[in-house]
Amino acid sequence: MAVVGPSNLSDVRFLTVAEVATLMRVSKMTVYRLVHSGELNAVRVGRSFRVPERAVHEYLRDAFTDTA
């Protein structure tokens, strides 16, 4: 994943775990497992996680090419 610098941080759209789960059609627990295993990048905000939208797209892209 690309490193987010101060100049482009305002362009990042963060998703909640629930939003990621809905987008991927998986459970929230699956998203938490992906985050904790390091397969899906996330930012901890207090006790919650926020996932950059780009990280979700990259994860899905990589998962798709691995099955081909």
PDB file of N, CA and C in Angstrom:
ATOM      1  N   MET A   1       0.838  -1.180   0.000  1.00  0.00           N
ATOM      2  CA  MET A   1       0.000   0.000   0.000  1.00  0.00           C
ATOM      3  C   MET A   1       0.878   1.236   0.000  1.00  0.00           C
ATOM      4  N   ALA A   2       0.432   2.270  -0.673  1.00  0.00           N
ATOM      5  CA  ALA A   2       1.184   3.522  -0.741  1.00  0.00           C
ATOM      6  C   ALA A   2       1.161   4.209   0.619  1.00  0.00           C
ATOM      7  N   VAL A   3       2.237   4.884   0.928  1.00  0.00           N
ATOM      8  CA  VAL A   3       2.321   5.633   2.170  1.00  0.00           C
ATOM      9  C   VAL A   3       1.542   6.924   2.011  1.00  0.00           C
ATOM     10  N   VAL A   4       0.706   7.209   2.991  1.00  0.00           N
ATOM     11  CA  VAL A   4      -0.101   8.422   2.948  1.00  0.00           C
ATOM     12  C   VAL A   4       0.677   9.533   3.625  1.00  0.00           C
ATOM     13  N   GLY A   5       0.967  10.576   2.880  1.00  0.00           N
ATOM     14  CA  GLY A   5       1.694  11.711   3.418  1.00  0.00           C
ATOM     15  C   GLY A   5       0.752  12.826   3.811  1.00  0.00           C
ATOM     16  N   PRO A   6       1.260  13.840   4.490  1.00  0.00           N
ATOM     17  CA  PRO A   6       0.429  14.946   4.939  1.00  0.00           C
ATOM     18  C   PRO A   6      -0.264  15.684   3.800  1.00  0.00           C
ATOM     19  N   SER A   7       0.345  15.712   2.626  1.00  0.00           N
ATOM     20  CA  SER A   7      -0.237  16.486   1.532  1.00  0.00           C
ATOM     21  C   SER A   7      -1.473  15.825   0.945  1.00  0.00           C
ATOM     22  N   ASN A   8      -1.583  14.502   1.037  1.00  0.00           N
ATOM     23  CA  ASN A   8      -2.730  13.845   0.440  1.00  0.00           C
ATOM     24  C   ASN A   8      -3.627  13.154   1.459  1.00  0.00           C
ATOM     25  N   LEU A   9      -3.424  13.399   2.732  1.00  0.00           N
ATOM     26  CA  LEU A   9      -4.232  12.780   3.776  1.00  0.00           C
ATOM     27  C   LEU A   9      -5.692  13.212   3.690  1.00  0.00           C
ATOM     28  N   SER A  10      -5.941  14.434   3.251  1.00  0.00           N
ATOM     29  CA  SER A  10      -7.320  14.910   3.157  1.00  0.00           C
ATOM     30  C   SER A  10      -8.087  14.212   2.043  1.00  0.00           C
ATOM     31  N   ASP A  11      -7.370  13.563   1.129  1.00  0.00           N
ATOM     32  CA  ASP A  11      -8.027  12.847   0.038  1.00  0.00           C
ATOM     33  C   ASP A  11      -8.418  11.422   0.413  1.00  0.00           C
ATOM     34  N   VAL A  12      -7.964  10.943   1.567  1.00  0.00           N
ATOM     35  CA  VAL A  12      -8.233   9.565   1.972  1.00  0.00           C
ATOM     36  C   VAL A  12      -9.646   9.465   2.533  1.00  0.00           C
ATOM     37  N   ARG A  13     -10.383   8.465   2.054  1.00  0.00           N
ATOM     38  CA  ARG A  13     -11.722   8.199   2.586  1.00  0.00           C
ATOM     39  C   ARG A  13     -11.616   6.974   3.481  1.00  0.00           C
ATOM     40  N   PHE A  14     -11.985   7.126   4.739  1.00  0.00           N
ATOM     41  CA  PHE A  14     -11.914   6.034   5.694  1.00  0.00           C
ATOM     42  C   PHE A  14     -13.279   5.390   5.858  1.00  0.00           C
ATOM     43  N   LEU A  15     -13.283   4.064   5.950  1.00  0.00           N
ATOM     44  CA  LEU A  15     -14.510   3.302   6.125  1.00  0.00           C
ATOM     45  C   LEU A  15     -14.504   2.634   7.494  1.00  0.00           C
ATOM     46  N   THR A  16     -15.689   2.458   8.064  1.00  0.00           N
ATOM     47  CA  THR A  16     -15.797   1.706   9.310  1.00  0.00           C
ATOM     48  C   THR A  16     -15.694   0.219   9.003  1.00  0.00           C
ATOM     49  N   VAL A  17     -15.491  -0.568  10.037  1.00  0.00           N
ATOM     50  CA  VAL A  17     -15.438  -2.021   9.863  1.00  0.00           C
ATOM     51  C   VAL A  17     -16.761  -2.524   9.302  1.00  0.00           C
ATOM     52  N   ALA A  18     -17.868  -1.972   9.774  1.00  0.00           N
ATOM     53  CA  ALA A  18     -19.187  -2.381   9.270  1.00  0.00           C
ATOM     54  C   ALA A  18     -19.338  -2.058   7.786  1.00  0.00           C
ATOM     55  N   GLU A  19     -18.858  -0.890   7.370  1.00  0.00           N
ATOM     56  CA  GLU A  19     -18.939  -0.519   5.952  1.00  0.00           C
ATOM     57  C   GLU A  19     -18.084  -1.444   5.090  1.00  0.00           C
ATOM     58  N   VAL A  20     -16.899  -1.794   5.585  1.00  0.00           N
ATOM     59  CA  VAL A  20     -16.028  -2.709   4.842  1.00  0.00           C
ATOM     60  C   VAL A  20     -16.694  -4.078   4.734  1.00  0.00           C
ATOM     61  N   ALA A  21     -17.280  -4.541   5.829  1.00  0.00           N
ATOM     62  CA  ALA A  21     -17.956  -5.841   5.823  1.00  0.00           C
ATOM     63  C   ALA A  21     -19.098  -5.854   4.814  1.00  0.00           C
ATOM     64  N   THR A  22     -19.867  -4.792   4.764  1.00  0.00           N
ATOM     65  CA  THR A  22     -20.968  -4.698   3.805  1.00  0.00           C
ATOM     66  C   THR A  22     -20.438  -4.681   2.383  1.00  0.00           C
ATOM     67  N   LEU A  23     -19.410  -3.898   2.152  1.00  0.00           N
ATOM     68  CA  LEU A  23     -18.819  -3.788   0.818  1.00  0.00           C
ATOM     69  C   LEU A  23     -18.278  -5.131   0.330  1.00  0.00           C
ATOM     70  N   MET A  24     -17.638  -5.872   1.235  1.00  0.00           N
ATOM     71  CA  MET A  24     -17.037  -7.149   0.868  1.00  0.00           C
ATOM     72  C   MET A  24     -18.005  -8.325   1.016  1.00  0.00           C
ATOM     73  N   ARG A  25     -19.164  -8.062   1.599  1.00  0.00           N
ATOM     74  CA  ARG A  25     -20.172  -9.108   1.870  1.00  0.00           C
ATOM     75  C   ARG A  25     -19.617 -10.215   2.756  1.00  0.00           C
ATOM     76  N   VAL A  26     -18.976  -9.782   3.837  1.00  0.00           N
ATOM     77  CA  VAL A  26     -18.461 -10.695   4.854  1.00  0.00           C
ATOM     78  C   VAL A  26     -18.901 -10.169   6.214  1.00  0.00           C
ATOM     79  N   SER A  27     -18.617 -10.923   7.267  1.00  0.00           N
ATOM     80  CA  SER A  27     -18.974 -10.467   8.605  1.00  0.00           C
ATOM     81  C   SER A  27     -17.952  -9.447   9.116  1.00  0.00           C
ATOM     82  N   LYS A  28     -18.355  -8.701  10.134  1.00  0.00           N
ATOM     83  CA  LYS A  28     -17.424  -7.757  10.754  1.00  0.00           C
ATOM     84  C   LYS A  28     -16.242  -8.509  11.368  1.00  0.00           C
ATOM     85  N   MET A  29     -16.505  -9.701  11.900  1.00  0.00           N
ATOM     86  CA  MET A  29     -15.423 -10.493  12.491  1.00  0.00           C
ATOM     87  C   MET A  29     -14.365 -10.838  11.446  1.00  0.00           C
ATOM     88  N   THR A  30     -14.786 -11.124  10.224  1.00  0.00           N
ATOM     89  CA  THR A  30     -13.835 -11.415   9.147  1.00  0.00           C
ATOM     90  C   THR A  30     -12.957 -10.201   8.876  1.00  0.00           C
ATOM     91  N   VAL A  31     -13.550  -9.020   8.879  1.00  0.00           N
ATOM     92  CA  VAL A  31     -12.779  -7.792   8.661  1.00  0.00           C
ATOM     93  C   VAL A  31     -11.782  -7.606   9.803  1.00  0.00           C
ATOM     94  N   TYR A  32     -12.226  -7.807  11.048  1.00  0.00           N
ATOM     95  CA  TYR A  32     -11.310  -7.690  12.186  1.00  0.00           C
ATOM     96  C   TYR A  32     -10.152  -8.675  12.059  1.00  0.00           C
ATOM     97  N   ARG A  33     -10.425  -9.893  11.621  1.00  0.00           N
ATOM     98  CA  ARG A  33      -9.358 -10.886  11.443  1.00  0.00           C
ATOM     99  C   ARG A  33      -8.362 -10.425  10.386  1.00  0.00           C
ATOM    100  N   LEU A  34      -8.865  -9.876   9.288  1.00  0.00           N
ATOM    101  CA  LEU A  34      -7.979  -9.382   8.230  1.00  0.00           C
ATOM    102  C   LEU A  34      -7.102  -8.240   8.741  1.00  0.00           C
ATOM    103  N   VAL A  35      -7.691  -7.361   9.540  1.00  0.00           N
ATOM    104  CA  VAL A  35      -6.938  -6.231  10.099  1.00  0.00           C
ATOM    105  C   VAL A  35      -5.871  -6.740  11.066  1.00  0.00           C
ATOM    106  N   HIS A  36      -6.257  -7.624  11.979  1.00  0.00           N
ATOM    107  CA  HIS A  36      -5.312  -8.117  12.987  1.00  0.00           C
ATOM    108  C   HIS A  36      -4.200  -8.966  12.381  1.00  0.00           C
ATOM    109  N   SER A  37      -4.488  -9.646  11.283  1.00  0.00           N
ATOM    110  CA  SER A  37      -3.457 -10.468  10.634  1.00  0.00           C
ATOM    111  C   SER A  37      -2.525  -9.631   9.761  1.00  0.00           C
ATOM    112  N   GLY A  38      -2.899  -8.364   9.523  1.00  0.00           N
ATOM    113  CA  GLY A  38      -2.074  -7.497   8.691  1.00  0.00           C
ATOM    114  C   GLY A  38      -2.389  -7.584   7.210  1.00  0.00           C
ATOM    115  N   GLU A  39      -3.387  -8.385   6.845  1.00  0.00           N
ATOM    116  CA  GLU A  39      -3.761  -8.516   5.433  1.00  0.00           C
ATOM    117  C   GLU A  39      -4.497  -7.285   4.917  1.00  0.00           C
ATOM    118  N   LEU A  40      -5.160  -6.570   5.828  1.00  0.00           N
ATOM    119  CA  LEU A  40      -5.914  -5.371   5.469  1.00  0.00           C
ATOM    120  C   LEU A  40      -5.419  -4.230   6.343  1.00  0.00           C
ATOM    121  N   ASN A  41      -4.915  -3.185   5.730  1.00  0.00           N
ATOM    122  CA  ASN A  41      -4.396  -2.041   6.477  1.00  0.00           C
ATOM    123  C   ASN A  41      -5.535  -1.262   7.110  1.00  0.00           C
ATOM    124  N   ALA A  42      -5.288  -0.789   8.324  1.00  0.00           N
ATOM    125  CA  ALA A  42      -6.291  -0.015   9.047  1.00  0.00           C
ATOM    126  C   ALA A  42      -5.593   0.939  10.007  1.00  0.00           C
ATOM    127  N   VAL A  43      -6.346   1.928  10.449  1.00  0.00           N
ATOM    128  CA  VAL A  43      -5.865   2.909  11.413  1.00  0.00           C
ATOM    129  C   VAL A  43      -6.725   2.772  12.658  1.00  0.00           C
ATOM    130  N   ARG A  44      -6.079   2.738  13.797  1.00  0.00           N
ATOM    131  CA  ARG A  44      -6.836   2.656  15.044  1.00  0.00           C
ATOM    132  C   ARG A  44      -7.185   4.074  15.487  1.00  0.00           C
ATOM    133  N   VAL A  45      -8.471   4.295  15.746  1.00  0.00           N
ATOM    134  CA  VAL A  45      -8.959   5.587  16.234  1.00  0.00           C
ATOM    135  C   VAL A  45      -9.664   5.304  17.553  1.00  0.00           C
ATOM    136  N   GLY A  46      -8.976   5.593  18.642  1.00  0.00           N
ATOM    137  CA  GLY A  46      -9.531   5.228  19.943  1.00  0.00           C
ATOM    138  C   GLY A  46      -9.617   3.715  20.046  1.00  0.00           C
ATOM    139  N   ARG A  47     -10.834   3.206  20.255  1.00  0.00           N
ATOM    140  CA  ARG A  47     -11.044   1.762  20.337  1.00  0.00           C
ATOM    141  C   ARG A  47     -11.554   1.186  19.026  1.00  0.00           C
ATOM    142  N   SER A  48     -11.684   2.015  18.010  1.00  0.00           N
ATOM    143  CA  SER A  48     -12.233   1.590  16.719  1.00  0.00           C
ATOM    144  C   SER A  48     -11.145   1.531  15.655  1.00  0.00           C
ATOM    145  N   PHE A  49     -11.466   0.842  14.579  1.00  0.00           N
ATOM    146  CA  PHE A  49     -10.591   0.813  13.410  1.00  0.00           C
ATOM    147  C   PHE A  49     -11.258   1.562  12.275  1.00  0.00           C
ATOM    148  N   ARG A  50     -10.444   2.233  11.484  1.00  0.00           N
ATOM    149  CA  ARG A  50     -10.911   2.845  10.239  1.00  0.00           C
ATOM    150  C   ARG A  50     -10.010   2.310   9.141  1.00  0.00           C
ATOM    151  N   VAL A  51     -10.645   1.912   8.050  1.00  0.00           N
ATOM    152  CA  VAL A  51      -9.920   1.288   6.951  1.00  0.00           C
ATOM    153  C   VAL A  51      -9.936   2.233   5.759  1.00  0.00           C
ATOM    154  N   PRO A  52      -8.771   2.604   5.243  1.00  0.00           N
ATOM    155  CA  PRO A  52      -8.757   3.440   4.038  1.00  0.00           C
ATOM    156  C   PRO A  52      -9.441   2.694   2.890  1.00  0.00           C
ATOM    157  N   GLU A  53     -10.293   3.389   2.169  1.00  0.00           N
ATOM    158  CA  GLU A  53     -11.022   2.773   1.062  1.00  0.00           C
ATOM    159  C   GLU A  53     -10.059   2.130   0.062  1.00  0.00           C
ATOM    160  N   ARG A  54      -8.950   2.788  -0.160  1.00  0.00           N
ATOM    161  CA  ARG A  54      -7.952   2.266  -1.101  1.00  0.00           C
ATOM    162  C   ARG A  54      -7.408   0.908  -0.642  1.00  0.00           C
ATOM    163  N   ALA A  55      -7.266   0.725   0.673  1.00  0.00           N
ATOM    164  CA  ALA A  55      -6.768  -0.546   1.205  1.00  0.00           C
ATOM    165  C   ALA A  55      -7.732  -1.685   0.892  1.00  0.00           C
ATOM    166  N   VAL A  56      -9.026  -1.397   0.943  1.00  0.00           N
ATOM    167  CA  VAL A  56     -10.031  -2.411   0.615  1.00  0.00           C
ATOM    168  C   VAL A  56      -9.910  -2.796  -0.851  1.00  0.00           C
ATOM    169  N   HIS A  57      -9.811  -1.797  -1.714  1.00  0.00           N
ATOM    170  CA  HIS A  57      -9.702  -2.064  -3.152  1.00  0.00           C
ATOM    171  C   HIS A  57      -8.425  -2.842  -3.470  1.00  0.00           C
ATOM    172  N   GLU A  58      -7.323  -2.485  -2.817  1.00  0.00           N
ATOM    173  CA  GLU A  58      -6.061  -3.196  -3.047  1.00  0.00           C
ATOM    174  C   GLU A  58      -6.146  -4.634  -2.548  1.00  0.00           C
ATOM    175  N   TYR A  59      -6.762  -4.834  -1.393  1.00  0.00           N
ATOM    176  CA  TYR A  59      -6.909  -6.187  -0.862  1.00  0.00           C
ATOM    177  C   TYR A  59      -7.728  -7.048  -1.823  1.00  0.00           C
ATOM    178  N   LEU A  60      -8.841  -6.514  -2.300  1.00  0.00           N
ATOM    179  CA  LEU A  60      -9.694  -7.271  -3.216  1.00  0.00           C
ATOM    180  C   LEU A  60      -8.985  -7.536  -4.541  1.00  0.00           C
ATOM    181  N   ARG A  61      -8.249  -6.561  -5.036  1.00  0.00           N
ATOM    182  CA  ARG A  61      -7.504  -6.742  -6.285  1.00  0.00           C
ATOM    183  C   ARG A  61      -6.474  -7.857  -6.133  1.00  0.00           C
ATOM    184  N   ASP A  62      -5.724  -7.823  -5.037  1.00  0.00           N
ATOM    185  CA  ASP A  62      -4.703  -8.843  -4.799  1.00  0.00           C
ATOM    186  C   ASP A  62      -5.323 -10.222  -4.592  1.00  0.00           C
ATOM    187  N   ALA A  63      -6.442 -10.281  -3.896  1.00  0.00           N
ATOM    188  CA  ALA A  63      -7.119 -11.560  -3.667  1.00  0.00           C
ATOM    189  C   ALA A  63      -7.652 -12.119  -4.980  1.00  0.00           C
ATOM    190  N   PHE A  64      -8.122 -11.247  -5.837  1.00  0.00           N
ATOM    191  CA  PHE A  64      -8.671 -11.678  -7.123  1.00  0.00           C
ATOM    192  C   PHE A  64      -7.584 -12.258  -8.013  1.00  0.00           C
ATOM    193  N   THR A  65      -6.423 -11.630  -8.069  1.00  0.00           N
ATOM    194  CA  THR A  65      -5.350 -12.114  -8.934  1.00  0.00           C
ATOM    195  C   THR A  65      -4.719 -13.388  -8.384  1.00  0.00           C
ATOM    196  N   ASP A  66      -4.790 -13.605  -7.065  1.00  0.00           N
ATOM    197  CA  ASP A  66      -4.231 -14.821  -6.479  1.00  0.00           C
ATOM    198  C   ASP A  66      -5.034 -16.060  -6.874  1.00  0.00           C
ATOM    199  N   THR A  67      -6.308 -15.913  -7.172  1.00  0.00           N
ATOM    200  CA  THR A  67      -7.145 -17.064  -7.503  1.00  0.00           C
ATOM    201  C   THR A  67      -7.114 -17.401  -8.981  1.00  0.00           C
ATOM    202  N   ALA A  68      -6.573 -16.524  -9.799  1.00  0.00           N
ATOM    203  CA  ALA A  68      -6.594 -16.747 -11.254  1.00  0.00           C
ATOM    204  C   ALA A  68      -5.622 -17.797 -11.703  1.00  0.00           C
TER     205      ALA A  68
END
